Amino acid sequence: MSPIIILITIVCYFALLLGISWAAGRNADNAGFFSGNRQSNWLVVAMSTIGAPISAVTFVSVPGMVANAGMSYMQMTLGFLVGQLIIAYVLIPLYYKMNLTSIYEYLNQRFGIASYKTGAWFFFLSKSTGAAVRLFIVCAVLQLLLFTPIGIPFWLNVILTMLIVYLFTFRGGVKSVVWTDLLKTACLLLSVILSIVFILRSGVGFDDYQESPMTRMFFFDDINDGRYFWKQFLAGVFVVIATTGLDQDMMQRTLSCKNYRDSQKNLIAGATVQTVVIYLFLVLGYLLYAFAAKEGVSLAGADGTPLKGDDVFPFLATGEWFPAVVGVLFVVGFIAAGNSAAGSALTALTTSFTIDILNRTTLNANEEQIKTTRSIVHVGMAVLMAAMIYVVYLLNDDSVIQTVYKVASYTYGPLLGLFFFGIFTKRAVRDRWVPLVCIIAPLLTFALDINSQTWFNGYTFSHERLIFNALFTIIGLCCLMKKNKQA
């Protein structure tokens, strides 16, 4: 696929994206930027939410993981469904009852200012690192397909990518994100479905689907295996609670619905469709590897090194084996998925930093002061994300989706522990010591992780690191409880 076709595809997509962003975000005030004025239609939010967690990482990593992990990711996805139900019926009513703009304001009311600031800073660390890893893969694939052939270095690629993300979010914030994500979701779904159709039309079928190790979905036989069902399922439940229900990014659009019942409908509908979409990505992965085997396509780079799983879909989709339309669909879906995650992350980081860390609210600043601060923070967050993407580029050596979840297990664990303790107990704690607990918990989790095989007869941790991290946080909070005092 020629760089010119890729460039034209990207320019056309971004022109449409910026047009929708401008229309949705015109005349948006601070409330529109932060919460969409609580007027978003739940069905629109549900459709936009489908594409939000399905980032560019999912788009290329999930099809590529079937070679080594089969379809075990569906075990975690089923856990996502259960986690979404818990968010819908436990967290959402609480957030609406407290009329929160930033969900970390809950920690201030429940524990105190130290806990509040700790939660905000952990979100900032979690979201900025996670978004950088996700956006890195967008930049890396664009570098391979477009920028290297036309002589643009990676650092300039990063700047251009972040500039586009900034442009479609600076005007309307979450108000724009909801509508632009609707476009991105439509492009993503169309891309994966039509890619499957075109691959099937090339002569690849499902003859060996049942017998292939790439399609094995459930693993109950070895508890030491990272693919073991209960590891994956329980990790899925808690990962989605942490990375969706306790994440300002994901909750910001959900809380833009008119009331908590609309938010619940949005979450359940979005999670159901998302489960089907992830299964389609796994099927696509099976078909890509089956096609390569059938046609004798070598899945190796120019130097003979086997391609990483993350590279298989872009390598085949943009090569010479399928009609050009498959390559175009890949580029559109990939860019849509990547910028969906980036735009909402940039908006959420701006919101949380402005409200939670700089403490700019209508109680202590007027509308113009908040707008000025928000605009400066928005630029700063874009610059920070660009710098972090470049750092990830220098350090990257792992499957990106595994990197995302590994980072999340360490950074979201204290948030999960704080909210769990706050919601399910009534006890007050010594607030000033909470930051120390939230630092110690990830360190204990790391120690447990690196020594697990020695200490537990060969057992290796997977995404359940998050559960232990939260558990250590809860134990620490129990040690800080005030005697005979309730919140």
Protein backbone atom coordinates (compact mmCIF):
# COMPACT_ATOMS: atom_id res chain seq x y z
CA MET A 1 0.00 0.00 0.00
CA SER A 2 1.59 3.26 -1.11
CA PRO A 3 2.32 6.09 1.35
CA ILE A 4 0.30 8.46 -0.85
CA ILE A 5 -2.89 6.41 -0.41
CA ILE A 6 -2.26 6.19 3.33
CA LEU A 7 -1.68 9.96 3.53
CA ILE A 8 -4.86 10.77 1.57
CA THR A 9 -6.87 8.38 3.79
CA ILE A 10 -5.55 9.99 6.98
CA VAL A 11 -6.10 13.56 5.75
CA CYS A 12 -9.72 12.80 4.72
CA TYR A 13 -10.46 11.12 8.04
CA PHE A 14 -9.02 13.94 10.12
CA ALA A 15 -10.84 16.57 8.07
CA LEU A 16 -14.14 14.83 8.86
CA LEU A 17 -13.12 14.38 12.51
CA LEU A 18 -12.23 18.05 12.99
CA GLY A 19 -15.47 19.13 11.30
CA ILE A 20 -17.55 17.04 13.72
CA SER A 21 -15.46 18.28 16.65
CA TRP A 22 -16.00 21.91 15.67
CA ALA A 23 -19.76 21.46 15.26
CA ALA A 24 -20.15 19.57 18.56
CA GLY A 25 -17.92 21.89 20.57
CA ARG A 26 -19.02 25.32 19.36
CA ASN A 27 -20.20 27.60 22.17
CA ALA A 28 -19.10 25.05 24.79
CA ASP A 29 -18.45 26.57 28.21
CA ASN A 30 -16.46 25.04 31.08
CA ALA A 31 -19.38 22.82 32.07
CA GLY A 32 -19.60 21.63 28.46
CA PHE A 33 -15.88 20.82 28.44
CA PHE A 34 -15.89 19.00 31.79
CA SER A 35 -19.29 17.25 31.82
CA GLY A 36 -21.10 17.91 28.52
CA ASN A 37 -23.62 19.99 30.54
CA ARG A 38 -25.14 16.62 31.64
CA GLN A 39 -27.15 16.59 28.39
CA SER A 40 -25.61 13.73 26.36
CA ASN A 41 -27.96 11.15 24.88
CA TRP A 42 -27.30 7.76 26.49
CA LEU A 43 -27.39 5.84 23.19
CA VAL A 44 -24.85 8.19 21.61
CA VAL A 45 -22.62 7.82 24.67
CA ALA A 46 -23.02 4.02 24.57
CA MET A 47 -21.93 3.86 20.94
CA SER A 48 -19.01 6.20 21.56
CA THR A 49 -18.00 4.19 24.64
CA ILE A 50 -17.61 1.01 22.57
CA GLY A 51 -14.64 2.50 20.77
CA ALA A 52 -13.10 4.14 23.83
CA PRO A 53 -11.46 1.12 25.53
CA ILE A 54 -10.83 -0.52 22.13
CA SER A 55 -7.75 1.53 21.43
CA ALA A 56 -5.13 1.10 18.73
CA VAL A 57 -3.48 -1.34 21.14
CA THR A 58 -6.53 -3.60 20.96
CA PHE A 59 -6.76 -3.10 17.21
CA VAL A 60 -3.36 -4.65 16.50
CA SER A 61 -2.45 -6.57 19.67
CA VAL A 62 -5.61 -8.65 20.12
CA PRO A 63 -5.51 -10.22 16.61
CA GLY A 64 -1.79 -10.84 17.09
CA MET A 65 -2.07 -12.55 20.48
CA VAL A 66 -3.96 -15.61 19.20
CA ALA A 67 -0.71 -17.24 18.04
CA ASN A 68 0.58 -17.62 21.60
CA ALA A 69 -2.45 -17.18 23.86
CA GLY A 70 -5.30 -18.50 21.74
CA MET A 71 -8.58 -16.78 22.48
CA SER A 72 -7.93 -16.74 26.23
CA TYR A 73 -8.51 -12.98 26.19
CA MET A 74 -12.25 -13.73 26.03
CA GLN A 75 -12.01 -15.03 29.63
CA MET A 76 -10.91 -11.58 30.71
CA THR A 77 -13.57 -10.00 28.49
CA LEU A 78 -16.30 -11.96 30.29
CA GLY A 79 -14.92 -10.52 33.51
CA PHE A 80 -15.23 -7.06 31.92
CA LEU A 81 -18.99 -7.66 31.58
CA VAL A 82 -19.39 -8.47 35.26
CA GLY A 83 -17.25 -5.47 36.20
CA GLN A 84 -19.42 -3.16 34.09
CA LEU A 85 -22.52 -4.34 35.95
CA ILE A 86 -20.85 -3.52 39.27
CA ILE A 87 -19.94 -0.05 37.96
CA ALA A 88 -23.47 0.52 36.70
CA TYR A 89 -25.26 -0.45 39.91
CA VAL A 90 -22.75 0.52 42.61
CA LEU A 91 -20.60 3.41 41.41
CA ILE A 92 -22.85 5.29 38.98
CA PRO A 93 -25.69 5.97 41.50
CA LEU A 94 -23.06 7.17 44.00
CA TYR A 95 -21.45 9.57 41.52
CA TYR A 96 -24.78 11.08 40.50
CA LYS A 97 -25.97 11.36 44.09
CA MET A 98 -22.85 13.36 44.95
CA ASN A 99 -23.10 15.39 41.71
CA LEU A 100 -19.41 14.88 40.94
CA THR A 101 -17.54 16.50 38.05
CA SER A 102 -14.30 14.74 38.93
CA ILE A 103 -14.91 11.35 40.53
CA TYR A 104 -11.93 11.85 42.87
CA GLU A 105 -13.88 14.53 44.73
CA TYR A 106 -15.52 11.52 46.41
CA LEU A 107 -12.24 10.78 48.21
CA ASN A 108 -12.17 14.29 49.65
CA GLN A 109 -15.65 13.94 51.09
CA ARG A 110 -15.06 10.40 52.35
CA PHE A 111 -11.51 10.57 53.76
CA GLY A 112 -9.98 14.04 53.44
CA ILE A 113 -7.75 16.23 51.32
CA ALA A 114 -4.65 13.96 51.43
CA SER A 115 -6.63 10.99 50.09
CA TYR A 116 -8.25 13.21 47.48
CA LYS A 117 -4.93 14.51 46.17
CA THR A 118 -3.44 11.00 46.28
CA GLY A 119 -6.28 9.63 44.15
CA ALA A 120 -5.93 12.48 41.67
CA TRP A 121 -2.18 12.02 41.34
CA PHE A 122 -2.50 8.25 40.91
CA PHE A 123 -5.06 8.81 38.16
CA PHE A 124 -2.72 11.33 36.56
CA LEU A 125 0.13 8.79 36.62
CA SER A 126 -2.12 5.94 35.43
CA LYS A 127 -3.78 7.78 32.58
CA SER A 128 -0.70 9.61 31.30
CA THR A 129 1.43 6.44 31.17
CA GLY A 130 -1.40 4.31 29.77
CA ALA A 131 -2.28 6.88 27.12
CA ALA A 132 1.39 7.22 26.16
CA VAL A 133 1.71 3.46 25.65
CA ARG A 134 -1.49 3.37 23.59
CA LEU A 135 -0.54 6.34 21.45
CA PHE A 136 2.96 4.98 20.96
CA ILE A 137 1.62 2.10 18.89
CA VAL A 138 -0.30 4.56 16.70
CA CYS A 139 2.86 6.55 16.06
CA ALA A 140 4.95 3.39 15.56
CA VAL A 141 2.66 1.94 12.91
CA LEU A 142 2.29 5.31 11.14
CA GLN A 143 6.08 5.60 11.17
CA LEU A 144 6.36 2.21 9.47
CA LEU A 145 3.63 2.76 6.90
CA LEU A 146 3.89 6.48 6.15
CA PHE A 147 6.49 8.66 7.80
CA THR A 148 9.66 6.62 7.20
CA PRO A 149 8.92 6.24 3.45
CA ILE A 150 8.51 10.02 3.11
CA GLY A 151 11.47 10.86 5.33
CA ILE A 152 9.79 12.21 8.50
CA PRO A 153 11.53 11.26 11.79
CA PHE A 154 9.68 9.71 14.71
CA TRP A 155 9.85 12.80 16.94
CA LEU A 156 8.05 14.89 14.29
CA ASN A 157 5.50 12.09 13.85
CA VAL A 158 4.72 12.33 17.60
CA ILE A 159 4.32 16.11 17.45
CA LEU A 160 1.95 15.94 14.46
CA THR A 161 -0.12 13.19 16.11
CA MET A 162 -0.52 15.11 19.37
CA LEU A 163 -1.34 18.32 17.49
CA ILE A 164 -4.28 16.60 15.80
CA VAL A 165 -5.49 15.18 19.13
CA TYR A 166 -5.23 18.63 20.72
CA LEU A 167 -7.15 20.32 17.88
CA PHE A 168 -10.22 18.09 18.09
CA THR A 169 -10.47 18.34 21.90
CA PHE A 170 -9.45 21.88 22.87
CA ARG A 171 -12.76 23.47 21.93
CA GLY A 172 -15.46 21.27 23.40
CA GLY A 173 -13.76 18.73 25.69
CA VAL A 174 -16.06 15.86 26.58
CA LYS A 175 -18.85 17.42 24.52
CA SER A 176 -16.69 16.97 21.40
CA VAL A 177 -15.23 13.64 22.52
CA VAL A 178 -18.65 11.96 22.72
CA TRP A 179 -19.51 12.83 19.11
CA THR A 180 -16.07 12.29 17.60
CA ASP A 181 -15.88 8.91 19.37
CA LEU A 182 -19.17 7.97 17.74
CA LEU A 183 -17.49 8.46 14.35
CA LYS A 184 -14.45 6.52 15.51
CA THR A 185 -16.56 3.61 16.76
CA ALA A 186 -18.38 3.41 13.43
CA CYS A 187 -15.06 3.39 11.54
CA LEU A 188 -13.58 0.78 13.86
CA LEU A 189 -16.53 -1.60 13.57
CA LEU A 190 -16.72 -1.19 9.80
CA SER A 191 -13.00 -1.83 9.52
CA VAL A 192 -12.86 -5.09 11.48
CA ILE A 193 -16.05 -6.53 9.94
CA LEU A 194 -15.09 -5.74 6.34
CA SER A 195 -11.53 -6.96 6.91
CA ILE A 196 -12.96 -10.34 7.97
CA VAL A 197 -15.24 -10.37 4.92
CA PHE A 198 -12.41 -9.66 2.47
CA ILE A 199 -10.13 -12.26 4.06
CA LEU A 200 -12.90 -14.87 3.82
CA ARG A 201 -13.40 -13.94 0.18
CA SER A 202 -9.72 -14.66 -0.44
CA GLY A 203 -10.43 -18.35 0.15
CA VAL A 204 -9.58 -18.72 3.84
CA GLY A 205 -12.30 -20.49 5.80
CA PHE A 206 -13.06 -22.00 9.19
CA ASP A 207 -12.21 -25.60 8.28
CA ASP A 208 -9.69 -26.02 11.12
CA TYR A 209 -11.30 -23.54 13.49
CA GLN A 210 -12.39 -26.04 16.16
CA GLU A 211 -9.10 -27.97 16.16
CA SER A 212 -6.74 -25.01 16.03
CA PRO A 213 -4.90 -24.12 19.28
CA MET A 214 -5.39 -20.48 18.26
CA THR A 215 -9.14 -20.75 18.93
CA ARG A 216 -8.98 -22.33 22.38
CA MET A 217 -10.89 -19.98 24.68
CA PHE A 218 -11.02 -21.53 28.18
CA PHE A 219 -8.06 -22.73 30.27
CA PHE A 220 -8.91 -24.60 33.49
CA ASP A 221 -6.08 -27.13 33.66
CA ASP A 222 -3.01 -25.30 35.07
CA ILE A 223 -3.26 -22.65 37.78
CA ASN A 224 0.35 -21.60 37.11
CA ASP A 225 -0.52 -20.70 33.52
CA GLY A 226 -1.10 -16.97 32.97
CA ARG A 227 -4.11 -17.98 30.85
CA TYR A 228 -5.84 -19.88 33.69
CA PHE A 229 -9.56 -19.05 33.62
CA TRP A 230 -10.06 -17.70 37.15
CA LYS A 231 -6.94 -15.55 36.91
CA GLN A 232 -8.20 -13.98 33.71
CA PHE A 233 -11.86 -13.70 34.70
CA LEU A 234 -11.31 -12.16 38.14
CA ALA A 235 -8.63 -9.88 36.75
CA GLY A 236 -11.13 -8.76 34.10
CA VAL A 237 -13.72 -7.89 36.75
CA PHE A 238 -11.34 -5.78 38.81
CA VAL A 239 -9.43 -4.32 35.86
CA VAL A 240 -12.59 -2.86 34.35
CA ILE A 241 -13.78 -1.52 37.72
CA ALA A 242 -10.42 0.21 38.14
CA THR A 243 -9.75 1.35 34.58
CA THR A 244 -13.36 2.32 33.81
CA GLY A 245 -15.32 2.90 37.02
CA LEU A 246 -12.44 4.65 38.83
CA ASP A 247 -11.06 6.38 35.76
CA GLN A 248 -11.97 10.02 35.13
CA ASP A 249 -11.48 9.47 31.40
CA MET A 250 -14.08 6.70 31.07
CA MET A 251 -16.48 8.11 33.65
CA GLN A 252 -16.41 11.66 32.27
CA ARG A 253 -18.43 10.78 29.19
CA THR A 254 -20.69 8.44 31.17
CA LEU A 255 -21.47 11.19 33.70
CA SER A 256 -22.42 13.49 30.82
CA CYS A 257 -25.74 11.58 30.54
CA LYS A 258 -28.86 13.26 31.92
CA ASN A 259 -29.32 10.93 34.90
CA TYR A 260 -27.89 7.78 36.45
CA ARG A 261 -30.42 5.47 34.76
CA ASP A 262 -29.32 6.68 31.33
CA SER A 263 -25.71 6.14 32.40
CA GLN A 264 -26.51 2.58 33.45
CA LYS A 265 -28.17 1.84 30.10
CA ASN A 266 -25.16 3.31 28.32
CA LEU A 267 -22.69 1.11 30.24
CA ILE A 268 -24.61 -2.15 29.83
CA ALA A 269 -25.30 -1.62 26.12
CA GLY A 270 -21.73 -0.57 25.42
CA ALA A 271 -20.21 -3.49 27.35
CA THR A 272 -22.40 -6.05 25.57
CA VAL A 273 -21.46 -4.83 22.10
CA GLN A 274 -17.82 -4.50 23.13
CA THR A 275 -17.72 -8.20 24.05
CA VAL A 276 -18.86 -9.12 20.55
CA VAL A 277 -16.35 -6.73 18.98
CA ILE A 278 -13.40 -8.19 20.91
CA TYR A 279 -14.45 -11.69 19.80
CA LEU A 280 -14.45 -10.43 16.19
CA PHE A 281 -10.88 -9.15 16.67
CA LEU A 282 -9.81 -12.60 17.87
CA VAL A 283 -11.53 -14.26 14.90
CA LEU A 284 -9.73 -11.80 12.64
CA GLY A 285 -6.43 -12.86 14.23
CA TYR A 286 -7.15 -16.53 13.51
CA LEU A 287 -8.01 -15.71 9.90
CA LEU A 288 -4.83 -13.65 9.43
CA TYR A 289 -2.58 -16.48 10.61
CA ALA A 290 -4.62 -19.03 8.62
CA PHE A 291 -4.24 -16.90 5.49
CA ALA A 292 -0.47 -16.59 5.98
CA ALA A 293 -0.16 -20.38 6.39
CA LYS A 294 -2.37 -21.12 3.37
CA GLU A 295 -0.57 -18.69 1.06
CA GLY A 296 2.92 -19.37 2.39
CA VAL A 297 3.42 -15.78 3.51
CA SER A 298 6.48 -15.38 5.71
CA LEU A 299 5.61 -13.47 8.88
CA ALA A 300 9.12 -12.11 9.26
CA GLY A 301 10.83 -8.79 8.77
CA ALA A 302 13.45 -7.95 6.18
CA ASP A 303 16.19 -9.23 8.51
CA GLY A 304 14.43 -12.56 9.00
CA THR A 305 13.31 -11.81 12.57
CA PRO A 306 9.77 -13.14 13.24
CA LEU A 307 7.17 -10.39 13.43
CA LYS A 308 5.77 -9.57 16.85
CA GLY A 309 2.07 -10.27 17.22
CA ASP A 310 1.40 -6.52 17.23
CA ASP A 311 2.82 -6.25 13.70
CA VAL A 312 0.95 -9.09 11.97
CA PHE A 313 -2.31 -7.25 11.17
CA PRO A 314 -0.64 -4.09 9.80
CA PHE A 315 1.89 -6.19 7.85
CA LEU A 316 -0.76 -8.26 6.06
CA ALA A 317 -3.47 -5.59 5.73
CA THR A 318 -1.20 -3.08 4.02
CA GLY A 319 0.78 -5.59 1.97
CA GLU A 320 0.11 -6.87 -1.53
CA TRP A 321 -2.01 -9.87 -0.60
CA PHE A 322 -5.42 -8.23 -0.22
CA PRO A 323 -7.33 -5.60 -2.21
CA ALA A 324 -6.26 -2.01 -1.47
CA VAL A 325 -9.57 -1.43 0.32
CA VAL A 326 -8.42 -3.74 3.16
CA GLY A 327 -5.40 -1.53 3.71
CA VAL A 328 -7.57 1.58 3.68
CA LEU A 329 -9.96 0.00 6.18
CA PHE A 330 -7.04 -0.92 8.43
CA VAL A 331 -5.65 2.62 8.38
CA VAL A 332 -9.06 4.20 9.09
CA GLY A 333 -9.92 1.75 11.88
CA PHE A 334 -6.47 1.96 13.40
CA ILE A 335 -6.36 5.77 13.39
CA ALA A 336 -9.94 5.90 14.71
CA ALA A 337 -9.14 3.54 17.58
CA GLY A 338 -5.91 5.31 18.49
CA ASN A 339 -7.28 8.82 18.50
CA SER A 340 -10.42 7.76 20.37
CA ALA A 341 -8.30 6.79 23.37
CA ALA A 342 -5.98 9.77 23.02
CA GLY A 343 -8.69 12.42 22.77
CA SER A 344 -10.65 11.27 25.78
CA ALA A 345 -7.45 10.77 27.80
CA LEU A 346 -6.27 14.31 27.05
CA THR A 347 -9.66 15.73 28.05
CA ALA A 348 -9.79 13.69 31.27
CA LEU A 349 -6.23 14.64 32.26
CA THR A 350 -7.05 18.30 31.69
CA THR A 351 -10.23 18.03 33.75
CA SER A 352 -8.64 16.18 36.67
CA PHE A 353 -5.52 18.37 36.80
CA THR A 354 -7.59 21.57 36.66
CA ILE A 355 -10.19 20.55 39.25
CA ASP A 356 -8.39 18.09 41.52
CA ILE A 357 -4.78 19.22 41.56
CA LEU A 358 -5.03 22.96 40.84
CA ASN A 359 -8.36 23.15 42.68
CA ARG A 360 -9.98 25.39 40.05
CA THR A 361 -13.74 25.21 40.57
CA THR A 362 -16.63 27.66 40.47
CA LEU A 363 -16.28 27.95 44.24
CA ASN A 364 -12.88 29.63 44.07
CA ALA A 365 -12.62 31.04 40.53
CA ASN A 366 -14.89 32.66 37.97
CA GLU A 367 -15.72 31.25 34.56
CA GLU A 368 -12.97 33.15 32.73
CA GLN A 369 -10.29 32.18 35.25
CA ILE A 370 -11.25 28.53 34.94
CA LYS A 371 -11.22 28.75 31.14
CA THR A 372 -7.76 30.34 31.12
CA THR A 373 -6.35 27.72 33.50
CA ARG A 374 -8.02 24.90 31.61
CA SER A 375 -6.58 26.10 28.28
CA ILE A 376 -3.04 26.28 29.68
CA VAL A 377 -3.36 22.85 31.29
CA HIS A 378 -4.72 21.40 28.04
CA VAL A 379 -1.61 22.51 26.14
CA GLY A 380 0.63 21.26 28.96
CA MET A 381 -1.00 17.82 28.97
CA ALA A 382 -0.55 17.52 25.18
CA VAL A 383 3.15 18.37 25.50
CA LEU A 384 3.58 15.92 28.40
CA MET A 385 1.90 13.09 26.48
CA ALA A 386 4.13 13.73 23.45
CA ALA A 387 7.24 13.53 25.64
CA MET A 388 6.05 10.31 27.30
CA ILE A 389 5.31 8.69 23.92
CA TYR A 390 8.90 9.32 22.91
CA VAL A 391 10.13 7.75 26.16
CA VAL A 392 7.98 4.65 25.49
CA TYR A 393 9.48 4.54 21.99
CA LEU A 394 12.96 4.40 23.51
CA LEU A 395 12.03 1.70 26.07
CA ASN A 396 9.52 -0.50 24.20
CA ASP A 397 10.34 -4.22 24.19
CA ASP A 398 7.09 -6.03 24.94
CA SER A 399 3.65 -6.75 23.51
CA VAL A 400 1.92 -3.42 23.96
CA ILE A 401 -1.38 -4.69 25.32
CA GLN A 402 0.48 -6.62 28.02
CA THR A 403 2.42 -3.46 28.86
CA VAL A 404 -0.81 -1.46 29.21
CA TYR A 405 -2.36 -3.92 31.67
CA LYS A 406 0.88 -4.35 33.61
CA VAL A 407 1.14 -0.59 34.11
CA ALA A 408 -2.54 -0.45 35.09
CA SER A 409 -2.14 -3.20 37.70
CA TYR A 410 0.40 -1.09 39.58
CA THR A 411 -1.11 2.38 39.19
CA TYR A 412 -4.84 1.64 39.53
CA GLY A 413 -4.47 -0.73 42.50
CA PRO A 414 -4.37 2.01 45.17
CA LEU A 415 -7.40 3.72 43.57
CA LEU A 416 -9.33 0.44 43.65
CA GLY A 417 -8.39 -0.09 47.31
CA LEU A 418 -9.37 3.47 48.32
CA PHE A 419 -12.78 3.34 46.67
CA PHE A 420 -13.52 -0.21 47.83
CA PHE A 421 -12.69 0.67 51.46
CA GLY A 422 -14.64 3.93 51.24
CA ILE A 423 -17.80 2.41 49.77
CA PHE A 424 -17.99 -0.83 51.74
CA THR A 425 -16.95 0.44 55.17
CA LYS A 426 -18.00 3.44 57.23
CA ARG A 427 -14.79 3.83 59.19
CA ALA A 428 -12.73 7.04 59.21
CA VAL A 429 -8.96 6.85 58.68
CA ARG A 430 -5.92 8.99 59.51
CA ASP A 431 -5.99 10.85 56.23
CA ARG A 432 -2.45 12.26 56.28
CA TRP A 433 -0.92 8.75 56.17
CA VAL A 434 -2.98 7.57 53.18
CA PRO A 435 -0.37 8.67 50.58
CA LEU A 436 2.24 6.46 52.29
CA VAL A 437 -0.07 3.43 52.14
CA CYS A 438 -0.71 4.05 48.44
CA ILE A 439 3.02 4.11 47.74
CA ILE A 440 3.85 1.01 49.80
CA ALA A 441 1.06 -1.14 48.25
CA PRO A 442 2.49 -1.15 44.68
CA LEU A 443 5.98 -1.80 46.06
CA LEU A 444 4.72 -4.86 47.96
CA THR A 445 2.91 -6.02 44.83
CA PHE A 446 6.11 -5.70 42.81
CA ALA A 447 8.05 -7.71 45.41
CA LEU A 448 5.34 -10.39 45.34
CA ASP A 449 5.37 -10.44 41.54
CA ILE A 450 9.11 -10.91 41.03
CA ASN A 451 9.38 -13.59 43.74
CA SER A 452 6.14 -15.49 43.09
CA GLN A 453 7.74 -18.48 41.35
CA THR A 454 10.17 -19.01 44.24
CA TRP A 455 7.68 -18.37 47.03
CA PHE A 456 4.63 -20.14 45.55
CA ASN A 457 5.98 -23.25 43.83
CA GLY A 458 6.20 -21.87 40.29
CA TYR A 459 3.09 -19.67 40.37
CA THR A 460 3.34 -16.65 38.06
CA PHE A 461 1.22 -13.54 38.32
CA SER A 462 -0.79 -12.13 35.47
CA HIS A 463 -3.30 -9.27 35.64
CA GLU A 464 -4.33 -10.33 39.16
CA ARG A 465 -1.47 -8.09 40.35
CA LEU A 466 -4.18 -5.42 40.47
CA ILE A 467 -6.21 -7.40 43.02
CA PHE A 468 -3.26 -7.87 45.37
CA ASN A 469 -2.29 -4.22 44.99
CA ALA A 470 -5.78 -3.15 46.02
CA LEU A 471 -5.77 -5.70 48.87
CA PHE A 472 -2.51 -4.31 50.26
CA THR A 473 -4.01 -0.81 50.09
CA ILE A 474 -7.11 -1.95 52.00
CA ILE A 475 -4.97 -3.64 54.67
CA GLY A 476 -3.00 -0.42 55.03
CA LEU A 477 -6.19 1.62 55.40
CA CYS A 478 -7.41 -0.79 58.07
CA CYS A 479 -4.21 -0.02 60.00
CA LEU A 480 -5.05 3.68 59.76
CA MET A 481 -8.62 3.39 61.08
CA LYS A 482 -9.56 5.75 63.88
CA LYS A 483 -10.94 4.01 66.94
CA ASN A 484 -14.74 4.02 67.20
CA LYS A 485 -15.09 6.74 64.54
CA GLN A 486 -17.20 6.60 61.43
CA ALA A 487 -17.04 8.81 58.38
